[in-house]
Amino acid sequence: MLVVDDDPDIRGILGMLLSREGYEVVTAIDGAAALEHVGDKRVALVVLDLQMPRLDGDQFRRVYQERGGHAPILLVTAAEVGPNDLARLGVSAYIAKPFDVETMLETVHRLVSNR
C-alpha cells in the first residue's frame, strides 16, 4: 500500500493505522517521490492527497496509470471534490480531510477486497 501526502502527520497516522491492519505500507512526501517508490512494484492501494508540491495528486495519478499502474486510488484531501470530479480524476473513492478513522479503514478494506 502506498500513502502519498505532503503532511508528515497525515502520512504518519495513515501509515500507523494501515500497518496495524496488517498492510505493508510505504509512504511518500509527494507524487514525484511516490513514482520512485512504485517503480516495478505492484501495490494493493494508493492513498493519495491532491494538493502537494513538485508533482500533485492528479499529476501522479496520470503518470502512474500511463505507466500501467492499476491499483485503486483513494483520494484523501481537504480540497473540494464533487461527484463529477471522481471520474475526471480517475480515482476509486474519496474521503475528505479531516477523516473519520473508521470510515477510512472501511473504505480501504472495501477497495482492497474488491481487487
PDB file of N, CA and C in Angstrom:
ATOM      1  N   MET A   1       0.842  -1.160   0.000  1.00  0.00           N
ATOM      2  CA  MET A   1       0.000   0.000   0.000  1.00  0.00           C
ATOM      3  C   MET A   1       0.891   1.228   0.000  1.00  0.00           C
ATOM      4  N   LEU A   2       0.503   2.214  -0.781  1.00  0.00           N
ATOM      5  CA  LEU A   2       1.296   3.435  -0.910  1.00  0.00           C
ATOM      6  C   LEU A   2       0.488   4.613  -0.389  1.00  0.00           C
ATOM      7  N   VAL A   3       1.028   5.352   0.576  1.00  0.00           N
ATOM      8  CA  VAL A   3       0.399   6.550   1.125  1.00  0.00           C
ATOM      9  C   VAL A   3       1.214   7.750   0.663  1.00  0.00           C
ATOM     10  N   VAL A   4       0.551   8.678  -0.047  1.00  0.00           N
ATOM     11  CA  VAL A   4       1.233   9.845  -0.610  1.00  0.00           C
ATOM     12  C   VAL A   4       0.575  11.105  -0.066  1.00  0.00           C
ATOM     13  N   ASP A   5       1.314  11.838   0.774  1.00  0.00           N
ATOM     14  CA  ASP A   5       0.785  13.070   1.361  1.00  0.00           C
ATOM     15  C   ASP A   5       1.968  13.922   1.816  1.00  0.00           C
ATOM     16  N   ASP A   6       1.891  15.221   1.571  1.00  0.00           N
ATOM     17  CA  ASP A   6       2.989  16.102   1.966  1.00  0.00           C
ATOM     18  C   ASP A   6       2.950  16.461   3.445  1.00  0.00           C
ATOM     19  N   ASP A   7       1.863  16.156   4.133  1.00  0.00           N
ATOM     20  CA  ASP A   7       1.749  16.440   5.559  1.00  0.00           C
ATOM     21  C   ASP A   7       2.314  15.252   6.348  1.00  0.00           C
ATOM     22  N   PRO A   8       3.422  15.464   7.086  1.00  0.00           N
ATOM     23  CA  PRO A   8       4.041  14.347   7.803  1.00  0.00           C
ATOM     24  C   PRO A   8       3.124  13.722   8.853  1.00  0.00           C
ATOM     25  N   ASP A   9       2.247  14.517   9.465  1.00  0.00           N
ATOM     26  CA  ASP A   9       1.326  13.970  10.465  1.00  0.00           C
ATOM     27  C   ASP A   9       0.330  13.009   9.814  1.00  0.00           C
ATOM     28  N   ILE A  10      -0.217  13.403   8.663  1.00  0.00           N
ATOM     29  CA  ILE A  10      -1.172  12.548   7.955  1.00  0.00           C
ATOM     30  C   ILE A  10      -0.476  11.272   7.492  1.00  0.00           C
ATOM     31  N   ARG A  11       0.718  11.411   6.915  1.00  0.00           N
ATOM     32  CA  ARG A  11       1.479  10.223   6.478  1.00  0.00           C
ATOM     33  C   ARG A  11       1.707   9.275   7.647  1.00  0.00           C
ATOM     34  N   GLY A  12       2.108   9.833   8.777  1.00  0.00           N
ATOM     35  CA  GLY A  12       2.388   9.016   9.953  1.00  0.00           C
ATOM     36  C   GLY A  12       1.154   8.326  10.487  1.00  0.00           C
ATOM     37  N   ILE A  13       0.051   9.057  10.585  1.00  0.00           N
ATOM     38  CA  ILE A  13      -1.198   8.482  11.097  1.00  0.00           C
ATOM     39  C   ILE A  13      -1.686   7.376  10.170  1.00  0.00           C
ATOM     40  N   LEU A  14      -1.727   7.658   8.855  1.00  0.00           N
ATOM     41  CA  LEU A  14      -2.197   6.648   7.910  1.00  0.00           C
ATOM     42  C   LEU A  14      -1.270   5.435   7.893  1.00  0.00           C
ATOM     43  N   GLY A  15       0.030   5.685   7.927  1.00  0.00           N
ATOM     44  CA  GLY A  15       0.985   4.578   7.949  1.00  0.00           C
ATOM     45  C   GLY A  15       0.776   3.688   9.155  1.00  0.00           C
ATOM     46  N   MET A  16       0.588   4.296  10.322  1.00  0.00           N
ATOM     47  CA  MET A  16       0.385   3.547  11.554  1.00  0.00           C
ATOM     48  C   MET A  16      -0.945   2.776  11.517  1.00  0.00           C
ATOM     49  N   LEU A  17      -2.025   3.444  11.127  1.00  0.00           N
ATOM     50  CA  LEU A  17      -3.336   2.800  11.083  1.00  0.00           C
ATOM     51  C   LEU A  17      -3.336   1.603  10.134  1.00  0.00           C
ATOM     52  N   LEU A  18      -2.798   1.804   8.952  1.00  0.00           N
ATOM     53  CA  LEU A  18      -2.823   0.745   7.938  1.00  0.00           C
ATOM     54  C   LEU A  18      -1.872  -0.398   8.301  1.00  0.00           C
ATOM     55  N   SER A  19      -0.746  -0.081   8.915  1.00  0.00           N
ATOM     56  CA  SER A  19       0.175  -1.123   9.375  1.00  0.00           C
ATOM     57  C   SER A  19      -0.478  -1.975  10.452  1.00  0.00           C
ATOM     58  N   ARG A  20      -1.205  -1.335  11.365  1.00  0.00           N
ATOM     59  CA  ARG A  20      -1.920  -2.073  12.422  1.00  0.00           C
ATOM     60  C   ARG A  20      -2.971  -3.015  11.842  1.00  0.00           C
ATOM     61  N   GLU A  21      -3.474  -2.671  10.662  1.00  0.00           N
ATOM     62  CA  GLU A  21      -4.467  -3.518   9.997  1.00  0.00           C
ATOM     63  C   GLU A  21      -3.816  -4.650   9.207  1.00  0.00           C
ATOM     64  N   GLY A  22      -2.482  -4.699   9.249  1.00  0.00           N
ATOM     65  CA  GLY A  22      -1.767  -5.787   8.594  1.00  0.00           C
ATOM     66  C   GLY A  22      -1.265  -5.482   7.190  1.00  0.00           C
ATOM     67  N   TYR A  23      -1.412  -4.254   6.749  1.00  0.00           N
ATOM     68  CA  TYR A  23      -0.941  -3.886   5.419  1.00  0.00           C
ATOM     69  C   TYR A  23       0.527  -3.483   5.462  1.00  0.00           C
ATOM     70  N   GLU A  24       1.253  -3.821   4.416  1.00  0.00           N
ATOM     71  CA  GLU A  24       2.611  -3.323   4.247  1.00  0.00           C
ATOM     72  C   GLU A  24       2.485  -1.940   3.631  1.00  0.00           C
ATOM     73  N   VAL A  25       3.026  -0.934   4.309  1.00  0.00           N
ATOM     74  CA  VAL A  25       2.814   0.459   3.904  1.00  0.00           C
ATOM     75  C   VAL A  25       4.137   1.121   3.552  1.00  0.00           C
ATOM     76  N   VAL A  26       4.134   1.819   2.419  1.00  0.00           N
ATOM     77  CA  VAL A  26       5.237   2.677   2.007  1.00  0.00           C
ATOM     78  C   VAL A  26       4.658   4.078   1.909  1.00  0.00           C
ATOM     79  N   THR A  27       5.405   5.083   2.390  1.00  0.00           N
ATOM     80  CA  THR A  27       4.910   6.451   2.329  1.00  0.00           C
ATOM     81  C   THR A  27       5.803   7.300   1.436  1.00  0.00           C
ATOM     82  N   ALA A  28       5.195   8.359   0.886  1.00  0.00           N
ATOM     83  CA  ALA A  28       5.936   9.292   0.040  1.00  0.00           C
ATOM     84  C   ALA A  28       5.438  10.703   0.312  1.00  0.00           C
ATOM     85  N   ILE A  29       6.361  11.672   0.215  1.00  0.00           N
ATOM     86  CA  ILE A  29       6.065  13.063   0.535  1.00  0.00           C
ATOM     87  C   ILE A  29       5.312  13.788  -0.578  1.00  0.00           C
ATOM     88  N   ASP A  30       5.405  13.301  -1.817  1.00  0.00           N
ATOM     89  CA  ASP A  30       4.696  13.908  -2.938  1.00  0.00           C
ATOM     90  C   ASP A  30       4.650  12.918  -4.101  1.00  0.00           C
ATOM     91  N   GLY A  31       4.030  13.336  -5.194  1.00  0.00           N
ATOM     92  CA  GLY A  31       3.869  12.443  -6.336  1.00  0.00           C
ATOM     93  C   GLY A  31       5.176  11.998  -6.956  1.00  0.00           C
ATOM     94  N   ALA A  32       6.156  12.882  -6.980  1.00  0.00           N
ATOM     95  CA  ALA A  32       7.458  12.528  -7.569  1.00  0.00           C
ATOM     96  C   ALA A  32       8.124  11.423  -6.749  1.00  0.00           C
ATOM     97  N   ALA A  33       8.131  11.570  -5.444  1.00  0.00           N
ATOM     98  CA  ALA A  33       8.714  10.539  -4.583  1.00  0.00           C
ATOM     99  C   ALA A  33       7.915   9.242  -4.676  1.00  0.00           C
ATOM    100  N   ALA A  34       6.603   9.351  -4.821  1.00  0.00           N
ATOM    101  CA  ALA A  34       5.755   8.160  -4.931  1.00  0.00           C
ATOM    102  C   ALA A  34       6.081   7.371  -6.191  1.00  0.00           C
ATOM    103  N   LEU A  35       6.335   8.059  -7.292  1.00  0.00           N
ATOM    104  CA  LEU A  35       6.681   7.359  -8.534  1.00  0.00           C
ATOM    105  C   LEU A  35       7.985   6.590  -8.379  1.00  0.00           C
ATOM    106  N   GLU A  36       8.921   7.132  -7.607  1.00  0.00           N
ATOM    107  CA  GLU A  36      10.174   6.430  -7.344  1.00  0.00           C
ATOM    108  C   GLU A  36       9.916   5.154  -6.535  1.00  0.00           C
ATOM    109  N   HIS A  37       8.982   5.217  -5.572  1.00  0.00           N
ATOM    110  CA  HIS A  37       8.674   4.054  -4.741  1.00  0.00           C
ATOM    111  C   HIS A  37       7.963   2.966  -5.530  1.00  0.00           C
ATOM    112  N   VAL A  38       7.092   3.382  -6.434  1.00  0.00           N
ATOM    113  CA  VAL A  38       6.282   2.404  -7.159  1.00  0.00           C
ATOM    114  C   VAL A  38       7.147   1.614  -8.122  1.00  0.00           C
ATOM    115  N   GLY A  39       7.860   2.286  -9.014  1.00  0.00           N
ATOM    116  CA  GLY A  39       8.711   1.590  -9.973  1.00  0.00           C
ATOM    117  C   GLY A  39       8.010   0.394 -10.573  1.00  0.00           C
ATOM    118  N   ASP A  40       8.604  -0.770 -10.444  1.00  0.00           N
ATOM    119  CA  ASP A  40       8.022  -2.002 -10.969  1.00  0.00           C
ATOM    120  C   ASP A  40       7.180  -2.735  -9.931  1.00  0.00           C
ATOM    121  N   LYS A  41       7.114  -2.191  -8.727  1.00  0.00           N
ATOM    122  CA  LYS A  41       6.374  -2.855  -7.654  1.00  0.00           C
ATOM    123  C   LYS A  41       4.869  -2.733  -7.885  1.00  0.00           C
ATOM    124  N   ARG A  42       4.162  -3.751  -7.461  1.00  0.00           N
ATOM    125  CA  ARG A  42       2.702  -3.714  -7.506  1.00  0.00           C
ATOM    126  C   ARG A  42       2.217  -3.330  -6.113  1.00  0.00           C
ATOM    127  N   VAL A  43       1.262  -2.431  -6.063  1.00  0.00           N
ATOM    128  CA  VAL A  43       0.687  -2.025  -4.781  1.00  0.00           C
ATOM    129  C   VAL A  43      -0.801  -2.373  -4.777  1.00  0.00           C
ATOM    130  N   ALA A  44      -1.336  -2.645  -3.589  1.00  0.00           N
ATOM    131  CA  ALA A  44      -2.742  -3.017  -3.464  1.00  0.00           C
ATOM    132  C   ALA A  44      -3.656  -1.801  -3.522  1.00  0.00           C
ATOM    133  N   LEU A  45      -3.147  -0.648  -3.074  1.00  0.00           N
ATOM    134  CA  LEU A  45      -3.951   0.570  -2.999  1.00  0.00           C
ATOM    135  C   LEU A  45      -3.024   1.771  -2.918  1.00  0.00           C
ATOM    136  N   VAL A  46      -3.445   2.872  -3.531  1.00  0.00           N
ATOM    137  CA  VAL A  46      -2.748   4.142  -3.385  1.00  0.00           C
ATOM    138  C   VAL A  46      -3.679   5.088  -2.635  1.00  0.00           C
ATOM    139  N   VAL A  47      -3.212   5.574  -1.481  1.00  0.00           N
ATOM    140  CA  VAL A  47      -3.942   6.571  -0.710  1.00  0.00           C
ATOM    141  C   VAL A  47      -3.254   7.893  -1.024  1.00  0.00           C
ATOM    142  N   LEU A  48      -3.986   8.812  -1.645  1.00  0.00           N
ATOM    143  CA  LEU A  48      -3.360   9.949  -2.317  1.00  0.00           C
ATOM    144  C   LEU A  48      -3.981  11.280  -1.933  1.00  0.00           C
ATOM    145  N   ASP A  49      -3.131  12.224  -1.549  1.00  0.00           N
ATOM    146  CA  ASP A  49      -3.544  13.610  -1.360  1.00  0.00           C
ATOM    147  C   ASP A  49      -3.589  14.258  -2.738  1.00  0.00           C
ATOM    148  N   LEU A  50      -4.344  15.326  -2.866  1.00  0.00           N
ATOM    149  CA  LEU A  50      -4.463  16.000  -4.159  1.00  0.00           C
ATOM    150  C   LEU A  50      -3.481  17.157  -4.282  1.00  0.00           C
ATOM    151  N   GLN A  51      -3.407  17.985  -3.257  1.00  0.00           N
ATOM    152  CA  GLN A  51      -2.584  19.190  -3.324  1.00  0.00           C
ATOM    153  C   GLN A  51      -1.245  18.961  -2.639  1.00  0.00           C
ATOM    154  N   MET A  52      -0.185  18.832  -3.482  1.00  0.00           N
ATOM    155  CA  MET A  52       1.171  18.606  -2.978  1.00  0.00           C
ATOM    156  C   MET A  52       2.153  19.343  -3.878  1.00  0.00           C
ATOM    157  N   PRO A  53       3.348  19.645  -3.346  1.00  0.00           N
ATOM    158  CA  PRO A  53       4.366  20.291  -4.182  1.00  0.00           C
ATOM    159  C   PRO A  53       4.978  19.306  -5.181  1.00  0.00           C
ATOM    160  N   ARG A  54       5.788  19.799  -6.056  1.00  0.00           N
ATOM    161  CA  ARG A  54       6.508  19.065  -7.114  1.00  0.00           C
ATOM    162  C   ARG A  54       5.562  18.363  -8.071  1.00  0.00           C
ATOM    163  N   LEU A  55       4.958  17.289  -7.671  1.00  0.00           N
ATOM    164  CA  LEU A  55       4.033  16.543  -8.524  1.00  0.00           C
ATOM    165  C   LEU A  55       2.779  16.297  -7.690  1.00  0.00           C
ATOM    166  N   ASP A  56       1.674  16.969  -8.049  1.00  0.00           N
ATOM    167  CA  ASP A  56       0.465  16.848  -7.227  1.00  0.00           C
ATOM    168  C   ASP A  56      -0.235  15.511  -7.462  1.00  0.00           C
ATOM    169  N   GLY A  57      -1.308  15.285  -6.742  1.00  0.00           N
ATOM    170  CA  GLY A  57      -2.000  14.010  -6.804  1.00  0.00           C
ATOM    171  C   GLY A  57      -2.537  13.663  -8.184  1.00  0.00           C
ATOM    172  N   ASP A  58      -3.116  14.635  -8.868  1.00  0.00           N
ATOM    173  CA  ASP A  58      -3.653  14.374 -10.206  1.00  0.00           C
ATOM    174  C   ASP A  58      -2.537  14.065 -11.195  1.00  0.00           C
ATOM    175  N   GLN A  59      -1.432  14.789 -11.113  1.00  0.00           N
ATOM    176  CA  GLN A  59      -0.290  14.524 -11.997  1.00  0.00           C
ATOM    177  C   GLN A  59       0.300  13.149 -11.715  1.00  0.00           C
ATOM    178  N   PHE A  60       0.433  12.794 -10.429  1.00  0.00           N
ATOM    179  CA  PHE A  60       0.928  11.465 -10.074  1.00  0.00           C
ATOM    180  C   PHE A  60       0.035  10.394 -10.666  1.00  0.00           C
ATOM    181  N   ARG A  61      -1.281  10.539 -10.458  1.00  0.00           N
ATOM    182  CA  ARG A  61      -2.232   9.545 -10.931  1.00  0.00           C
ATOM    183  C   ARG A  61      -2.120   9.341 -12.435  1.00  0.00           C
ATOM    184  N   ARG A  62      -2.013  10.426 -13.159  1.00  0.00           N
ATOM    185  CA  ARG A  62      -1.914  10.338 -14.619  1.00  0.00           C
ATOM    186  C   ARG A  62      -0.672   9.550 -15.039  1.00  0.00           C
ATOM    187  N   VAL A  63       0.480   9.901 -14.481  1.00  0.00           N
ATOM    188  CA  VAL A  63       1.730   9.220 -14.833  1.00  0.00           C
ATOM    189  C   VAL A  63       1.692   7.766 -14.374  1.00  0.00           C
ATOM    190  N   TYR A  64       1.209   7.525 -13.163  1.00  0.00           N
ATOM    191  CA  TYR A  64       1.114   6.170 -12.608  1.00  0.00           C
ATOM    192  C   TYR A  64       0.283   5.281 -13.534  1.00  0.00           C
ATOM    193  N   GLN A  65      -0.871   5.756 -13.943  1.00  0.00           N
ATOM    194  CA  GLN A  65      -1.738   4.952 -14.801  1.00  0.00           C
ATOM    195  C   GLN A  65      -1.174   4.808 -16.213  1.00  0.00           C
ATOM    196  N   GLU A  66      -0.509   5.847 -16.719  1.00  0.00           N
ATOM    197  CA  GLU A  66       0.130   5.747 -18.042  1.00  0.00           C
ATOM    198  C   GLU A  66       1.229   4.689 -18.038  1.00  0.00           C
ATOM    199  N   ARG A  67       1.877   4.522 -16.890  1.00  0.00           N
ATOM    200  CA  ARG A  67       2.943   3.520 -16.751  1.00  0.00           C
ATOM    201  C   ARG A  67       2.402   2.126 -16.447  1.00  0.00           C
ATOM    202  N   GLY A  68       1.092   1.980 -16.443  1.00  0.00           N
ATOM    203  CA  GLY A  68       0.488   0.668 -16.237  1.00  0.00           C
ATOM    204  C   GLY A  68       0.036   0.378 -14.824  1.00  0.00           C
ATOM    205  N   GLY A  69       0.084   1.357 -13.922  1.00  0.00           N
ATOM    206  CA  GLY A  69      -0.383   1.153 -12.552  1.00  0.00           C
ATOM    207  C   GLY A  69      -1.886   0.933 -12.524  1.00  0.00           C
ATOM    208  N   HIS A  70      -2.310  -0.121 -11.836  1.00  0.00           N
ATOM    209  CA  HIS A  70      -3.727  -0.476 -11.830  1.00  0.00           C
ATOM    210  C   HIS A  70      -4.355  -0.480 -10.449  1.00  0.00           C
ATOM    211  N   ALA A  71      -3.605  -0.153  -9.421  1.00  0.00           N
ATOM    212  CA  ALA A  71      -4.163  -0.187  -8.062  1.00  0.00           C
ATOM    213  C   ALA A  71      -5.275   0.850  -7.937  1.00  0.00           C
ATOM    214  N   PRO A  72      -6.297   0.526  -7.159  1.00  0.00           N
ATOM    215  CA  PRO A  72      -7.320   1.542  -6.897  1.00  0.00           C
ATOM    216  C   PRO A  72      -6.682   2.727  -6.178  1.00  0.00           C
ATOM    217  N   ILE A  73      -7.255   3.896  -6.402  1.00  0.00           N
ATOM    218  CA  ILE A  73      -6.738   5.119  -5.783  1.00  0.00           C
ATOM    219  C   ILE A  73      -7.816   5.707  -4.879  1.00  0.00           C
ATOM    220  N   LEU A  74      -7.447   5.877  -3.615  1.00  0.00           N
ATOM    221  CA  LEU A  74      -8.308   6.514  -2.625  1.00  0.00           C
ATOM    222  C   LEU A  74      -7.789   7.927  -2.429  1.00  0.00           C
ATOM    223  N   LEU A  75      -8.567   8.896  -2.838  1.00  0.00           N
ATOM    224  CA  LEU A  75      -8.191  10.297  -2.704  1.00  0.00           C
ATOM    225  C   LEU A  75      -8.586  10.766  -1.309  1.00  0.00           C
ATOM    226  N   VAL A  76      -7.620  11.265  -0.552  1.00  0.00           N
ATOM    227  CA  VAL A  76      -7.853  11.790   0.794  1.00  0.00           C
ATOM    228  C   VAL A  76      -7.324  13.215   0.786  1.00  0.00           C
ATOM    229  N   THR A  77      -8.242  14.192   0.761  1.00  0.00           N
ATOM    230  CA  THR A  77      -7.819  15.569   0.571  1.00  0.00           C
ATOM    231  C   THR A  77      -8.766  16.551   1.240  1.00  0.00           C
ATOM    232  N   ALA A  78      -8.248  17.725   1.531  1.00  0.00           N
ATOM    233  CA  ALA A  78      -9.064  18.812   2.058  1.00  0.00           C
ATOM    234  C   ALA A  78      -9.649  19.641   0.916  1.00  0.00           C
ATOM    235  N   ALA A  79      -9.203  19.391  -0.307  1.00  0.00           N
ATOM    236  CA  ALA A  79      -9.706  20.127  -1.470  1.00  0.00           C
ATOM    237  C   ALA A  79     -11.156  19.737  -1.740  1.00  0.00           C
ATOM    238  N   GLU A  80     -11.915  20.673  -2.266  1.00  0.00           N
ATOM    239  CA  GLU A  80     -13.303  20.403  -2.632  1.00  0.00           C
ATOM    240  C   GLU A  80     -13.330  19.448  -3.818  1.00  0.00           C
ATOM    241  N   VAL A  81     -14.034  18.334  -3.668  1.00  0.00           N
ATOM    242  CA  VAL A  81     -14.162  17.346  -4.738  1.00  0.00           C
ATOM    243  C   VAL A  81     -15.638  16.979  -4.853  1.00  0.00           C
ATOM    244  N   GLY A  82     -16.194  17.216  -6.022  1.00  0.00           N
ATOM    245  CA  GLY A  82     -17.594  16.875  -6.262  1.00  0.00           C
ATOM    246  C   GLY A  82     -17.719  15.511  -6.914  1.00  0.00           C
ATOM    247  N   PRO A  83     -18.944  14.992  -7.013  1.00  0.00           N
ATOM    248  CA  PRO A  83     -19.168  13.673  -7.607  1.00  0.00           C
ATOM    249  C   PRO A  83     -18.628  13.554  -9.038  1.00  0.00           C
ATOM    250  N   ASN A  84     -18.757  14.592  -9.835  1.00  0.00           N
ATOM    251  CA  ASN A  84     -18.261  14.549 -11.212  1.00  0.00           C
ATOM    252  C   ASN A  84     -16.739  14.550 -11.268  1.00  0.00           C
ATOM    253  N   ASP A  85     -16.112  15.070 -10.219  1.00  0.00           N
ATOM    254  CA  ASP A  85     -14.649  15.135 -10.189  1.00  0.00           C
ATOM    255  C   ASP A  85     -14.012  13.751 -10.036  1.00  0.00           C
ATOM    256  N   LEU A  86     -14.685  12.818  -9.370  1.00  0.00           N
ATOM    257  CA  LEU A  86     -14.115  11.490  -9.147  1.00  0.00           C
ATOM    258  C   LEU A  86     -13.785  10.805 -10.472  1.00  0.00           C
ATOM    259  N   ALA A  87     -14.724  10.835 -11.401  1.00  0.00           N
ATOM    260  CA  ALA A  87     -14.479  10.207 -12.709  1.00  0.00           C
ATOM    261  C   ALA A  87     -13.385  10.956 -13.458  1.00  0.00           C
ATOM    262  N   ARG A  88     -13.441  12.284 -13.414  1.00  0.00           N
ATOM    263  CA  ARG A  88     -12.432  13.086 -14.109  1.00  0.00           C
ATOM    264  C   ARG A  88     -11.044  12.835 -13.536  1.00  0.00           C
ATOM    265  N   LEU A  89     -10.966  12.669 -12.218  1.00  0.00           N
ATOM    266  CA  LEU A  89      -9.682  12.441 -11.561  1.00  0.00           C
ATOM    267  C   LEU A  89      -9.234  10.986 -11.651  1.00  0.00           C
ATOM    268  N   GLY A  90     -10.106  10.098 -12.067  1.00  0.00           N
ATOM    269  CA  GLY A  90      -9.731   8.695 -12.228  1.00  0.00           C
ATOM    270  C   GLY A  90      -9.430   7.989 -10.921  1.00  0.00           C
ATOM    271  N   VAL A  91     -10.198   8.318  -9.880  1.00  0.00           N
ATOM    272  CA  VAL A  91      -9.977   7.694  -8.579  1.00  0.00           C
ATOM    273  C   VAL A  91     -11.154   6.787  -8.227  1.00  0.00           C
ATOM    274  N   SER A  92     -10.902   5.831  -7.345  1.00  0.00           N
ATOM    275  CA  SER A  92     -11.927   4.865  -6.958  1.00  0.00           C
ATOM    276  C   SER A  92     -12.854   5.378  -5.866  1.00  0.00           C
ATOM    277  N   ALA A  93     -12.311   6.206  -4.965  1.00  0.00           N
ATOM    278  CA  ALA A  93     -13.100   6.718  -3.844  1.00  0.00           C
ATOM    279  C   ALA A  93     -12.451   7.995  -3.323  1.00  0.00           C
ATOM    280  N   TYR A  94     -13.216   8.706  -2.504  1.00  0.00           N
ATOM    281  CA  TYR A  94     -12.766   9.986  -1.953  1.00  0.00           C
ATOM    282  C   TYR A  94     -13.185  10.081  -0.497  1.00  0.00           C
ATOM    283  N   ILE A  95     -12.277  10.556   0.337  1.00  0.00           N
ATOM    284  CA  ILE A  95     -12.565  10.857   1.735  1.00  0.00           C
ATOM    285  C   ILE A  95     -12.019  12.252   2.020  1.00  0.00           C
ATOM    286  N   ALA A  96     -12.858  13.090   2.642  1.00  0.00           N
ATOM    287  CA  ALA A  96     -12.454  14.457   2.967  1.00  0.00           C
ATOM    288  C   ALA A  96     -11.634  14.483   4.254  1.00  0.00           C
ATOM    289  N   LYS A  97     -10.637  15.368   4.268  1.00  0.00           N
ATOM    290  CA  LYS A  97      -9.883  15.637   5.494  1.00  0.00           C
ATOM    291  C   LYS A  97     -10.617  16.730   6.257  1.00  0.00           C
ATOM    292  N   PRO A  98     -10.659  16.684   7.549  1.00  0.00           N
ATOM    293  CA  PRO A  98     -10.159  15.606   8.385  1.00  0.00           C
ATOM    294  C   PRO A  98     -11.081  14.392   8.261  1.00  0.00           C
ATOM    295  N   PHE A  99     -10.496  13.207   8.340  1.00  0.00           N
ATOM    296  CA  PHE A  99     -11.259  11.995   8.102  1.00  0.00           C
ATOM    297  C   PHE A  99     -11.553  11.253   9.403  1.00  0.00           C
ATOM    298  N   ASP A 100     -12.626  10.479   9.355  1.00  0.00           N
ATOM    299  CA  ASP A 100     -13.007   9.593  10.438  1.00  0.00           C
ATOM    300  C   ASP A 100     -12.229   8.289  10.258  1.00  0.00           C
ATOM    301  N   VAL A 101     -11.560   7.823  11.298  1.00  0.00           N
ATOM    302  CA  VAL A 101     -10.710   6.633  11.212  1.00  0.00           C
ATOM    303  C   VAL A 101     -11.504   5.407  10.763  1.00  0.00           C
ATOM    304  N   GLU A 102     -12.680   5.194  11.334  1.00  0.00           N
ATOM    305  CA  GLU A 102     -13.482   4.020  10.962  1.00  0.00           C
ATOM    306  C   GLU A 102     -13.878   4.064   9.486  1.00  0.00           C
ATOM    307  N   THR A 103     -14.292   5.232   9.016  1.00  0.00           N
ATOM    308  CA  THR A 103     -14.661   5.381   7.608  1.00  0.00           C
ATOM    309  C   THR A 103     -13.455   5.112   6.716  1.00  0.00           C
ATOM    310  N   MET A 104     -12.307   5.615   7.128  1.00  0.00           N
ATOM    311  CA  MET A 104     -11.083   5.397   6.364  1.00  0.00           C
ATOM    312  C   MET A 104     -10.781   3.909   6.244  1.00  0.00           C
ATOM    313  N   LEU A 105     -10.778   3.214   7.370  1.00  0.00           N
ATOM    314  CA  LEU A 105     -10.445   1.792   7.364  1.00  0.00           C
ATOM    315  C   LEU A 105     -11.472   0.963   6.591  1.00  0.00           C
ATOM    316  N   GLU A 106     -12.749   1.274   6.746  1.00  0.00           N
ATOM    317  CA  GLU A 106     -13.784   0.571   5.980  1.00  0.00           C
ATOM    318  C   GLU A 106     -13.584   0.758   4.481  1.00  0.00           C
ATOM    319  N   THR A 107     -13.268   1.978   4.072  1.00  0.00           N
ATOM    320  CA  THR A 107     -13.066   2.269   2.651  1.00  0.00           C
ATOM    321  C   THR A 107     -11.841   1.538   2.128  1.00  0.00           C
ATOM    322  N   VAL A 108     -10.762   1.546   2.884  1.00  0.00           N
ATOM    323  CA  VAL A 108      -9.539   0.842   2.484  1.00  0.00           C
ATOM    324  C   VAL A 108      -9.822  -0.647   2.322  1.00  0.00           C
ATOM    325  N   HIS A 109     -10.459  -1.253   3.318  1.00  0.00           N
ATOM    326  CA  HIS A 109     -10.763  -2.686   3.249  1.00  0.00           C
ATOM    327  C   HIS A 109     -11.634  -3.009   2.031  1.00  0.00           C
ATOM    328  N   ARG A 110     -12.630  -2.167   1.773  1.00  0.00           N
ATOM    329  CA  ARG A 110     -13.528  -2.390   0.629  1.00  0.00           C
ATOM    330  C   ARG A 110     -12.767  -2.308  -0.686  1.00  0.00           C
ATOM    331  N   LEU A 111     -11.922  -1.308  -0.832  1.00  0.00           N
ATOM    332  CA  LEU A 111     -11.190  -1.140  -2.088  1.00  0.00           C
ATOM    333  C   LEU A 111     -10.185  -2.267  -2.313  1.00  0.00           C
ATOM    334  N   VAL A 112      -9.514  -2.705  -1.244  1.00  0.00           N
ATOM    335  CA  VAL A 112      -8.533  -3.777  -1.378  1.00  0.00           C
ATOM    336  C   VAL A 112      -9.228  -5.115  -1.652  1.00  0.00           C
ATOM    337  N   SER A 113     -10.351  -5.358  -1.008  1.00  0.00           N
ATOM    338  CA  SER A 113     -11.026  -6.644  -1.207  1.00  0.00           C
ATOM    339  C   SER A 113     -11.744  -6.737  -2.550  1.00  0.00           C
ATOM    340  N   ASN A 114     -12.022  -5.605  -3.183  1.00  0.00           N
ATOM    341  CA  ASN A 114     -12.690  -5.603  -4.498  1.00  0.00           C
ATOM    342  C   ASN A 114     -11.718  -5.805  -5.648  1.00  0.00           C
ATOM    343  N   ARG A 115     -10.451  -5.956  -5.381  1.00  0.00           N
ATOM    344  CA  ARG A 115      -9.462  -6.101  -6.451  1.00  0.00           C
ATOM    345  C   ARG A 115      -9.505  -7.467  -7.054  1.00  0.00           C
TER     346      ARG A 115
END
